[in-house]
C-alpha atoms as a PDB file:
ATOM      1  CA  MET A   1      -0.095  -0.289  -0.081  1.00  0.00           C
ATOM      2  CA  THR A   2       0.966   3.569  -0.921  1.00  0.00           C
ATOM      3  CA  THR A   3       1.840   5.987   1.845  1.00  0.00           C
ATOM      4  CA  SER A   4      -0.830   7.856   0.200  1.00  0.00           C
ATOM      5  CA  LEU A   5      -3.687   4.857   0.793  1.00  0.00           C
ATOM      6  CA  ARG A   6      -2.389   3.951   4.114  1.00  0.00           C
ATOM      7  CA  LEU A   7      -3.193   7.362   4.971  1.00  0.00           C
ATOM      8  CA  VAL A   8      -6.454   7.343   3.593  1.00  0.00           C
ATOM      9  CA  ALA A   9      -7.484   3.914   4.563  1.00  0.00           C
ATOM     10  CA  MET A  10      -6.379   4.501   8.349  1.00  0.00           C
ATOM     11  CA  THR A  11      -8.158   8.070   8.504  1.00  0.00           C
ATOM     12  CA  ALA A  12     -11.283   6.131   6.940  1.00  0.00           C
ATOM     13  CA  ALA A  13     -11.198   3.048   9.496  1.00  0.00           C
ATOM     14  CA  ALA A  14     -10.380   5.638  12.662  1.00  0.00           C
ATOM     15  CA  LEU A  15     -14.006   7.587  11.278  1.00  0.00           C
ATOM     16  CA  LEU A  16     -16.108   4.616  10.744  1.00  0.00           C
ATOM     17  CA  THR A  17     -14.841   2.757  13.657  1.00  0.00           C
ATOM     18  CA  GLY A  18     -16.439   5.817  16.126  1.00  0.00           C
ATOM     19  CA  VAL A  19     -19.993   5.535  13.899  1.00  0.00           C
ATOM     20  CA  CYS A  20     -21.848   2.266  14.641  1.00  0.00           C
ATOM     21  CA  ALA A  21     -23.211  10.282 -29.958  1.00  0.00           C
ATOM     22  CA  PRO A  22     -20.296  12.120 -27.822  1.00  0.00           C
ATOM     23  CA  GLN A  23     -19.697  15.450 -27.626  1.00  0.00           C
ATOM     24  CA  ALA A  24     -16.177  17.142 -27.551  1.00  0.00           C
ATOM     25  CA  ALA A  25     -13.832  16.148 -24.537  1.00  0.00           C
ATOM     26  CA  ALA A  26     -12.654  18.369 -22.396  1.00  0.00           C
ATOM     27  CA  GLN A  27      -8.762  19.537 -23.188  1.00  0.00           C
ATOM     28  CA  PRO A  28      -6.231  17.459 -22.034  1.00  0.00           C
ATOM     29  CA  ASP A  29      -4.867  19.714 -18.831  1.00  0.00           C
ATOM     30  CA  ALA A  30      -8.260  21.265 -18.147  1.00  0.00           C
ATOM     31  CA  ALA A  31      -9.606  21.304 -14.913  1.00  0.00           C
ATOM     32  CA  ALA A  32     -13.059  19.358 -13.730  1.00  0.00           C
ATOM     33  CA  PRO A  33     -16.434  21.432 -14.713  1.00  0.00           C
ATOM     34  CA  ALA A  34     -17.612  22.185 -11.206  1.00  0.00           C
ATOM     35  CA  ASP A  35     -20.044  19.426 -10.967  1.00  0.00           C
ATOM     36  CA  PHE A  36     -17.008  17.187  -9.978  1.00  0.00           C
ATOM     37  CA  VAL A  37     -15.921  16.660  -6.517  1.00  0.00           C
ATOM     38  CA  ALA A  38     -13.298  14.139  -4.825  1.00  0.00           C
ATOM     39  CA  LEU A  39     -15.399  11.362  -3.266  1.00  0.00           C
ATOM     40  CA  SER A  40     -12.950  12.611   0.225  1.00  0.00           C
ATOM     41  CA  GLU A  41     -14.980  15.970   0.241  1.00  0.00           C
ATOM     42  CA  VAL A  42     -18.453  14.203   0.629  1.00  0.00           C
ATOM     43  CA  ALA A  43     -17.446  10.713   1.927  1.00  0.00           C
ATOM     44  CA  PRO A  44     -14.370  10.665   4.108  1.00  0.00           C
ATOM     45  CA  THR A  45     -14.876   7.538   5.557  1.00  0.00           C
ATOM     46  CA  ILE A  46     -15.070   5.641   2.499  1.00  0.00           C
ATOM     47  CA  LEU A  47     -11.458   3.578   1.894  1.00  0.00           C
ATOM     48  CA  GLN A  48      -9.765   3.997  -1.572  1.00  0.00           C
ATOM     49  CA  ASP A  49      -7.450   1.683  -3.225  1.00  0.00           C
ATOM     50  CA  ILE A  50      -6.998   3.236  -6.923  1.00  0.00           C
ATOM     51  CA  ARG A  51      -5.270   0.655  -8.544  1.00  0.00           C
ATOM     52  CA  TYR A  52      -4.565   2.427 -11.695  1.00  0.00           C
ATOM     53  CA  ASP A  53      -2.245   5.103  -9.526  1.00  0.00           C
ATOM     54  CA  THR A  54      -0.030   2.228  -9.107  1.00  0.00           C
ATOM     55  CA  ALA A  55       1.707  -1.127 -10.925  1.00  0.00           C
ATOM     56  CA  HIS A  56      -0.714  -3.543  -9.709  1.00  0.00           C
ATOM     57  CA  ASN A  57      -3.075  -3.824 -12.476  1.00  0.00           C
ATOM     58  CA  PHE A  58      -3.772  -5.782 -15.522  1.00  0.00           C
ATOM     59  CA  THR A  59      -1.123  -3.350 -17.537  1.00  0.00           C
ATOM     60  CA  GLY A  60       1.590  -4.104 -14.617  1.00  0.00           C
ATOM     61  CA  GLU A  61       2.201  -0.026 -14.885  1.00  0.00           C
ATOM     62  CA  PRO A  62       0.988   3.247 -13.507  1.00  0.00           C
ATOM     63  CA  VAL A  63      -1.423   4.316 -15.919  1.00  0.00           C
ATOM     64  CA  ASP A  64      -1.799   7.680 -17.931  1.00  0.00           C
ATOM     65  CA  GLY A  65      -3.809  10.608 -16.271  1.00  0.00           C
ATOM     66  CA  TYR A  66      -3.336   8.818 -12.913  1.00  0.00           C
ATOM     67  CA  GLN A  67      -1.638  11.552 -10.891  1.00  0.00           C
ATOM     68  CA  ALA A  68      -3.129  11.115  -7.949  1.00  0.00           C
ATOM     69  CA  PRO A  69      -5.014   8.299  -5.595  1.00  0.00           C
ATOM     70  CA  MET A  70      -8.063   9.737  -5.795  1.00  0.00           C
ATOM     71  CA  CYS A  71     -11.222   9.215  -6.206  1.00  0.00           C
ATOM     72  CA  ILE A  72     -13.086  12.024  -8.441  1.00  0.00           C
ATOM     73  CA  LEU A  73     -16.792  11.979  -9.334  1.00  0.00           C
ATOM     74  CA  THR A  74     -19.600  13.643 -10.264  1.00  0.00           C
ATOM     75  CA  ARG A  75     -21.079  15.435  -7.350  1.00  0.00           C
ATOM     76  CA  PRO A  76     -24.942  13.402  -7.420  1.00  0.00           C
ATOM     77  CA  ALA A  77     -22.523  10.215  -8.200  1.00  0.00           C
ATOM     78  CA  ALA A  78     -20.462  10.963  -4.803  1.00  0.00           C
ATOM     79  CA  GLU A  79     -23.416  12.293  -2.831  1.00  0.00           C
ATOM     80  CA  ALA A  80     -25.036   8.336  -3.299  1.00  0.00           C
ATOM     81  CA  LEU A  81     -21.920   6.825  -2.052  1.00  0.00           C
ATOM     82  CA  ALA A  82     -22.215   8.841   0.786  1.00  0.00           C
ATOM     83  CA  ARG A  83     -25.571   7.407   1.301  1.00  0.00           C
ATOM     84  CA  ALA A  84     -24.839   4.090   0.769  1.00  0.00           C
ATOM     85  CA  GLN A  85     -21.970   4.089   2.799  1.00  0.00           C
ATOM     86  CA  GLN A  86     -24.196   4.838   5.704  1.00  0.00           C
ATOM     87  CA  VAL A  87     -26.596   2.075   5.252  1.00  0.00           C
ATOM     88  CA  PHE A  88     -23.137  -0.265   4.592  1.00  0.00           C
ATOM     89  CA  VAL A  89     -21.722   0.990   8.037  1.00  0.00           C
ATOM     90  CA  ALA A  90     -24.696   0.054  10.108  1.00  0.00           C
ATOM     91  CA  GLN A  91     -24.129  -3.420   8.603  1.00  0.00           C
ATOM     92  CA  GLY A  92     -20.739  -3.433   9.899  1.00  0.00           C
ATOM     93  CA  TYR A  93     -19.243  -2.976   6.352  1.00  0.00           C
ATOM     94  CA  SER A  94     -17.595   0.278   4.302  1.00  0.00           C
ATOM     95  CA  LEU A  95     -17.128   0.712   0.472  1.00  0.00           C
ATOM     96  CA  LYS A  96     -13.557   0.469  -0.885  1.00  0.00           C
ATOM     97  CA  VAL A  97     -13.248   2.160  -4.193  1.00  0.00           C
ATOM     98  CA  TYR A  98     -10.935   0.952  -6.582  1.00  0.00           C
ATOM     99  CA  ASP A  99     -11.601   3.232  -9.488  1.00  0.00           C
ATOM    100  CA  CYS A 100     -13.511   6.187 -10.176  1.00  0.00           C
ATOM    101  CA  TYR A 101     -13.712   8.978 -12.994  1.00  0.00           C
ATOM    102  CA  ARG A 102     -11.082   7.475 -15.661  1.00  0.00           C
ATOM    103  CA  PRO A 103      -9.601  10.572 -18.447  1.00  0.00           C
ATOM    104  CA  GLN A 104      -9.538   9.528 -21.476  1.00  0.00           C
ATOM    105  CA  PRO A 105      -5.932   9.255 -21.452  1.00  0.00           C
ATOM    106  CA  ALA A 106      -5.972   6.166 -19.261  1.00  0.00           C
ATOM    107  CA  VAL A 107      -8.597   4.368 -21.941  1.00  0.00           C
ATOM    108  CA  ASP A 108      -6.454   4.880 -24.589  1.00  0.00           C
ATOM    109  CA  ASP A 109      -3.339   3.916 -22.362  1.00  0.00           C
ATOM    110  CA  PHE A 110      -5.360   0.801 -21.848  1.00  0.00           C
ATOM    111  CA  VAL A 111      -6.305   0.082 -26.006  1.00  0.00           C
ATOM    112  CA  ALA A 112      -2.489   0.366 -26.535  1.00  0.00           C
ATOM    113  CA  TRP A 113      -1.604  -2.107 -23.780  1.00  0.00           C
ATOM    114  CA  ALA A 114      -4.292  -4.612 -25.547  1.00  0.00           C
ATOM    115  CA  ALA A 115      -2.697  -4.029 -28.766  1.00  0.00           C
ATOM    116  CA  ASP A 116       0.964  -4.741 -27.726  1.00  0.00           C
ATOM    117  CA  PRO A 117       1.062  -8.633 -27.642  1.00  0.00           C
ATOM    118  CA  SER A 118       4.566  -8.572 -25.682  1.00  0.00           C
ATOM    119  CA  ALA A 119       2.989  -6.821 -22.606  1.00  0.00           C
ATOM    120  CA  GLN A 120       2.082  -9.922 -20.838  1.00  0.00           C
ATOM    121  CA  GLN A 121       3.308  -9.482 -17.414  1.00  0.00           C
ATOM    122  CA  MET A 122      -0.006  -9.614 -15.657  1.00  0.00           C
ATOM    123  CA  LYS A 123      -1.640 -12.360 -16.998  1.00  0.00           C
ATOM    124  CA  GLY A 124      -1.398 -15.095 -14.524  1.00  0.00           C
ATOM    125  CA  GLU A 125      -3.015 -12.441 -11.949  1.00  0.00           C
ATOM    126  CA  PHE A 126      -5.707 -10.820 -14.012  1.00  0.00           C
ATOM    127  CA  TYR A 127      -6.662 -12.908 -17.238  1.00  0.00           C
ATOM    128  CA  PRO A 128      -4.787 -16.158 -16.514  1.00  0.00           C
ATOM    129  CA  TRP A 129      -7.482 -17.819 -18.774  1.00  0.00           C
ATOM    130  CA  VAL A 130      -8.173 -15.204 -21.812  1.00  0.00           C
ATOM    131  CA  ASP A 131      -5.801 -14.822 -24.327  1.00  0.00           C
ATOM    132  CA  LYS A 132      -4.844 -10.979 -24.337  1.00  0.00           C
ATOM    133  CA  SER A 133      -5.916 -11.156 -28.451  1.00  0.00           C
ATOM    134  CA  GLN A 134      -9.414 -11.464 -27.586  1.00  0.00           C
ATOM    135  CA  LEU A 135      -9.843  -8.765 -24.669  1.00  0.00           C
ATOM    136  CA  PHE A 136     -11.410  -6.648 -27.339  1.00  0.00           C
ATOM    137  CA  ALA A 137     -13.927  -9.166 -28.828  1.00  0.00           C
ATOM    138  CA  ASP A 138     -14.849 -10.255 -25.301  1.00  0.00           C
ATOM    139  CA  GLY A 139     -15.882  -6.657 -24.466  1.00  0.00           C
ATOM    140  CA  TYR A 140     -12.905  -6.145 -21.538  1.00  0.00           C
ATOM    141  CA  ILE A 141     -11.240  -3.584 -23.628  1.00  0.00           C
ATOM    142  CA  ALA A 142     -12.723  -0.556 -25.479  1.00  0.00           C
ATOM    143  CA  GLU A 143     -11.964   2.734 -26.914  1.00  0.00           C
ATOM    144  CA  GLN A 144     -14.276   4.677 -24.705  1.00  0.00           C
ATOM    145  CA  SER A 145     -15.348   3.807 -20.837  1.00  0.00           C
ATOM    146  CA  GLY A 146     -18.181   4.932 -19.098  1.00  0.00           C
ATOM    147  CA  HIS A 147     -15.715   6.145 -16.177  1.00  0.00           C
ATOM    148  CA  SER A 148     -14.708   9.117 -18.251  1.00  0.00           C
ATOM    149  CA  ARG A 149     -17.920  10.592 -17.936  1.00  0.00           C
ATOM    150  CA  GLY A 150     -17.320  10.596 -14.153  1.00  0.00           C
ATOM    151  CA  SER A 151     -20.638   8.883 -12.629  1.00  0.00           C
ATOM    152  CA  THR A 152     -18.995   5.064 -12.740  1.00  0.00           C
ATOM    153  CA  VAL A 153     -17.444   3.310  -9.768  1.00  0.00           C
ATOM    154  CA  ASP A 154     -15.772  -0.082  -9.479  1.00  0.00           C
ATOM    155  CA  LEU A 155     -15.472  -0.532  -6.154  1.00  0.00           C
ATOM    156  CA  THR A 156     -16.187  -3.569  -3.128  1.00  0.00           C
ATOM    157  CA  LEU A 157     -16.781  -4.210   0.317  1.00  0.00           C
ATOM    158  CA  VAL A 158     -14.790  -4.259   3.382  1.00  0.00           C
ATOM    159  CA  ALA A 159     -15.875  -5.805   6.730  1.00  0.00           C
ATOM    160  CA  LEU A 160     -15.065  -3.751   9.663  1.00  0.00           C
ATOM    161  CA  PRO A 161     -13.135  -2.919  11.591  1.00  0.00           C
ATOM    162  CA  ALA A 162     -10.928  -2.433   8.369  1.00  0.00           C
ATOM    163  CA  GLN A 163      -7.380  -4.568   8.456  1.00  0.00           C
ATOM    164  CA  PRO A 164      -4.318  -3.419   7.009  1.00  0.00           C
ATOM    165  CA  GLN A 165      -3.032  -3.975   3.269  1.00  0.00           C
ATOM    166  CA  PRO A 166      -0.285  -5.393   2.491  1.00  0.00           C
ATOM    167  CA  ALA A 167       1.893  -3.501   0.188  1.00  0.00           C
ATOM    168  CA  TYR A 168       2.014  -4.906  -3.246  1.00  0.00           C
ATOM    169  CA  ASP A 169       4.717  -6.661  -4.124  1.00  0.00           C
ATOM    170  CA  PRO A 170       5.779  -6.465  -7.914  1.00  0.00           C
ATOM    171  CA  GLY A 171       8.233  -9.141  -7.368  1.00  0.00           C
ATOM    172  CA  ALA A 172       6.506 -11.494  -5.501  1.00  0.00           C
ATOM    173  CA  PRO A 173       4.840 -14.263  -6.724  1.00  0.00           C
ATOM    174  CA  SER A 174       0.618 -14.075  -8.408  1.00  0.00           C
ATOM    175  CA  SER A 175      -1.997 -15.963  -7.869  1.00  0.00           C
ATOM    176  CA  ALA A 176      -4.933 -16.100 -10.197  1.00  0.00           C
ATOM    177  CA  CYS A 177      -7.632 -13.448  -9.406  1.00  0.00           C
ATOM    178  CA  THR A 178      -9.920 -16.893 -10.256  1.00  0.00           C
ATOM    179  CA  ALA A 179      -8.352 -18.670  -7.369  1.00  0.00           C
ATOM    180  CA  PRO A 180     -10.028 -19.330  -3.629  1.00  0.00           C
ATOM    181  CA  ALA A 181      -9.233 -15.962  -1.539  1.00  0.00           C
ATOM    182  CA  PRO A 182      -6.732 -17.626   0.798  1.00  0.00           C
ATOM    183  CA  ARG A 183      -4.818 -17.560  -2.442  1.00  0.00           C
ATOM    184  CA  ARG A 184      -5.565 -13.862  -4.229  1.00  0.00           C
ATOM    185  CA  PHE A 185      -4.067 -10.547  -3.213  1.00  0.00           C
ATOM    186  CA  PRO A 186      -4.477 -10.059   0.187  1.00  0.00           C
ATOM    187  CA  ASP A 187      -6.928  -6.763  -0.261  1.00  0.00           C
ATOM    188  CA  ASN A 188      -9.018  -6.857   3.056  1.00  0.00           C
ATOM    189  CA  THR A 189     -11.920  -6.972   1.351  1.00  0.00           C
ATOM    190  CA  ILE A 190     -14.730  -9.270   1.708  1.00  0.00           C
ATOM    191  CA  ASP A 191     -14.925 -12.742  -0.772  1.00  0.00           C
ATOM    192  CA  MET A 192     -16.696 -11.634  -3.718  1.00  0.00           C
ATOM    193  CA  GLY A 193     -16.018 -14.982  -5.752  1.00  0.00           C
ATOM    194  CA  THR A 194     -12.552 -13.139  -7.651  1.00  0.00           C
ATOM    195  CA  GLY A 195     -10.596 -10.399  -7.737  1.00  0.00           C
ATOM    196  CA  TYR A 196     -11.140  -7.184  -8.500  1.00  0.00           C
ATOM    197  CA  ASP A 197     -10.661  -6.790 -12.686  1.00  0.00           C
ATOM    198  CA  CYS A 198     -10.822  -9.936 -13.157  1.00  0.00           C
ATOM    199  CA  PHE A 199     -11.220 -10.852 -16.998  1.00  0.00           C
ATOM    200  CA  ASP A 200     -13.383 -14.020 -16.633  1.00  0.00           C
ATOM    201  CA  PRO A 201     -16.421 -15.365 -16.897  1.00  0.00           C
ATOM    202  CA  SER A 202     -16.415 -15.940 -12.927  1.00  0.00           C
ATOM    203  CA  ALA A 203     -16.683 -12.493 -12.343  1.00  0.00           C
ATOM    204  CA  HIS A 204     -20.198 -11.374 -14.244  1.00  0.00           C
ATOM    205  CA  THR A 205     -21.740 -10.600 -11.293  1.00  0.00           C
ATOM    206  CA  LEU A 206     -24.304 -13.367 -11.400  1.00  0.00           C
ATOM    207  CA  ALA A 207     -21.956 -16.177 -12.809  1.00  0.00           C
ATOM    208  CA  ASP A 208     -22.301 -19.817 -12.946  1.00  0.00           C
ATOM    209  CA  GLY A 209     -20.631 -21.444 -10.121  1.00  0.00           C
ATOM    210  CA  ILE A 210     -20.495 -18.273  -7.771  1.00  0.00           C
ATOM    211  CA  GLU A 211     -23.001 -19.084  -4.429  1.00  0.00           C
ATOM    212  CA  GLY A 212     -23.076 -19.222  -0.902  1.00  0.00           C
ATOM    213  CA  GLU A 213     -21.108 -16.116   0.966  1.00  0.00           C
ATOM    214  CA  GLN A 214     -19.424 -15.181  -2.723  1.00  0.00           C
ATOM    215  CA  LEU A 215     -22.898 -14.602  -4.352  1.00  0.00           C
ATOM    216  CA  THR A 216     -24.187 -13.254  -1.133  1.00  0.00           C
ATOM    217  CA  ASN A 217     -21.747 -10.319  -0.749  1.00  0.00           C
ATOM    218  CA  ARG A 218     -22.335  -9.303  -4.386  1.00  0.00           C
ATOM    219  CA  LEU A 219     -26.234  -9.232  -3.690  1.00  0.00           C
ATOM    220  CA  LEU A 220     -25.743  -7.445  -1.029  1.00  0.00           C
ATOM    221  CA  LEU A 221     -23.095  -4.757  -2.788  1.00  0.00           C
ATOM    222  CA  LYS A 222     -25.946  -4.569  -5.339  1.00  0.00           C
ATOM    223  CA  LYS A 223     -28.947  -4.186  -3.318  1.00  0.00           C
ATOM    224  CA  VAL A 224     -27.611  -1.180  -1.630  1.00  0.00           C
ATOM    225  CA  LEU A 225     -26.331   0.626  -4.261  1.00  0.00           C
ATOM    226  CA  GLU A 226     -29.003  -0.064  -6.304  1.00  0.00           C
ATOM    227  CA  SER A 227     -32.054   1.622  -3.684  1.00  0.00           C
ATOM    228  CA  GLN A 228     -29.226   4.618  -4.295  1.00  0.00           C
ATOM    229  CA  GLY A 229     -29.362   4.671  -7.842  1.00  0.00           C
ATOM    230  CA  PHE A 230     -26.537   3.125  -9.138  1.00  0.00           C
ATOM    231  CA  GLU A 231     -26.955   0.152 -11.587  1.00  0.00           C
ATOM    232  CA  ASN A 232     -24.620  -2.857 -12.459  1.00  0.00           C
ATOM    233  CA  TYR A 233     -22.579  -3.656 -15.271  1.00  0.00           C
ATOM    234  CA  PRO A 234     -23.496  -7.206 -14.881  1.00  0.00           C
ATOM    235  CA  ASN A 235     -19.797  -8.228 -16.661  1.00  0.00           C
ATOM    236  CA  GLU A 236     -18.442  -6.723 -13.641  1.00  0.00           C
ATOM    237  CA  TRP A 237     -19.422  -7.365 -10.273  1.00  0.00           C
ATOM    238  CA  TRP A 238     -17.677  -4.195  -9.222  1.00  0.00           C
ATOM    239  CA  HIS A 239     -18.293  -1.786 -11.592  1.00  0.00           C
ATOM    240  CA  TYR A 240     -21.525   0.407 -11.185  1.00  0.00           C
ATOM    241  CA  THR A 241     -23.127   3.882 -12.841  1.00  0.00           C
ATOM    242  CA  PHE A 242     -25.098   6.492 -11.120  1.00  0.00           C
ATOM    243  CA  THR A 243     -28.170   7.031 -12.978  1.00  0.00           C
ATOM    244  CA  PRO A 244     -29.244   9.446 -14.665  1.00  0.00           C
ATOM    245  CA  GLU A 245     -25.878  10.531 -15.048  1.00  0.00           C
ATOM    246  CA  PRO A 246     -25.024  14.496 -15.534  1.00  0.00           C
ATOM    247  CA  PHE A 247     -22.783  14.088 -18.718  1.00  0.00           C
ATOM    248  CA  PRO A 248     -24.080  11.081 -20.371  1.00  0.00           C
ATOM    249  CA  ASP A 249     -22.680  11.661 -23.655  1.00  0.00           C
ATOM    250  CA  THR A 250     -19.218  13.356 -22.514  1.00  0.00           C
ATOM    251  CA  TYR A 251     -15.828  11.696 -22.263  1.00  0.00           C
ATOM    252  CA  PHE A 252     -13.341  14.257 -19.979  1.00  0.00           C
ATOM    253  CA  ASP A 253      -9.611  14.204 -20.384  1.00  0.00           C
ATOM    254  CA  PHE A 254      -8.629  16.387 -17.272  1.00  0.00           C
ATOM    255  CA  PRO A 255      -5.882  14.252 -15.150  1.00  0.00           C
ATOM    256  CA  VAL A 256      -6.887  12.382 -11.450  1.00  0.00           C
ATOM    257  CA  ALA A 257      -4.968  15.253  -9.969  1.00  0.00           C
ATOM    258  CA  PRO A 258      -5.380  17.618  -6.784  1.00  0.00           C
ATOM    259  CA  SER A 259      -5.043  20.724  -9.319  1.00  0.00           C
ATOM    260  CA  SER A 260      -8.373  19.338 -11.463  1.00  0.00           C
ATOM    261  CA  ARG A 261     -10.439  20.557  -8.215  1.00  0.00           C
ATOM    262  CA  PRO A 262     -11.281  23.443  -6.381  1.00  0.00           C
ATOM    263  CA  TYR A 263     -10.174  22.149  -3.374  1.00  0.00           C
ATOM    264  CA  ALA A 264      -6.893  21.073  -3.895  1.00  0.00           C
ATOM    265  CA  GLU A 265      -5.988  22.048   0.136  1.00  0.00           C
ATOM    266  CA  PHE A 266      -7.404  18.442   0.604  1.00  0.00           C
ATOM    267  CA  TRP A 267      -4.856  16.750  -0.465  1.00  0.00           C
END
């Protein structure tokens, strides 16, 4: 875990234990519209593990457009997450976000990575049973992402009190995202049946073979988020979009950085 992520997690844990056809995109270095906020401004107890700011993602490198480990969303989406967090905390859980607003340069980086057959260093963890050449055809990689509209979030649940998360070691042996929970990367979350960003049919929200506690956990996440206006992408149990989206046809490309927000002093 990076120092920034550790600070966010520690602060959130302390707070939680105290309560029982597209338009033209923005210019590359433009600030976010006023309707965007840092999630920490609205819901400071939600844990953050922004994977694309690190090397622990399917590309094996930090992704273009991520300049800080922070979650930026449209205000309605952030406020809906804050409401969902209240429900989860009352049940002994916290939300943890992996990705929020995703700038178009990051999507372009994914596309370039997918087109490079030699970049396979993360196959063993994130797509162990899928041929990389099929990622476009199977819908795992696309030239545009709903995340770039600012109201889509990748997230999961952590049981409270949140346990420390081990730092990612790129030199350590990796385990498939489809492996049993004790063998997957120990990211302190409850068992959803696969790891995050797992390119595999078993990551479909209602996948065959996902049952018992794993299915119960997925349905808990889904039920509460849907009650606050989110819709699940059925091929990824972690992927939700707030509706109605404030910017349904606009794909932004301002960076994920404190400078993109007028509240940079929070960072």
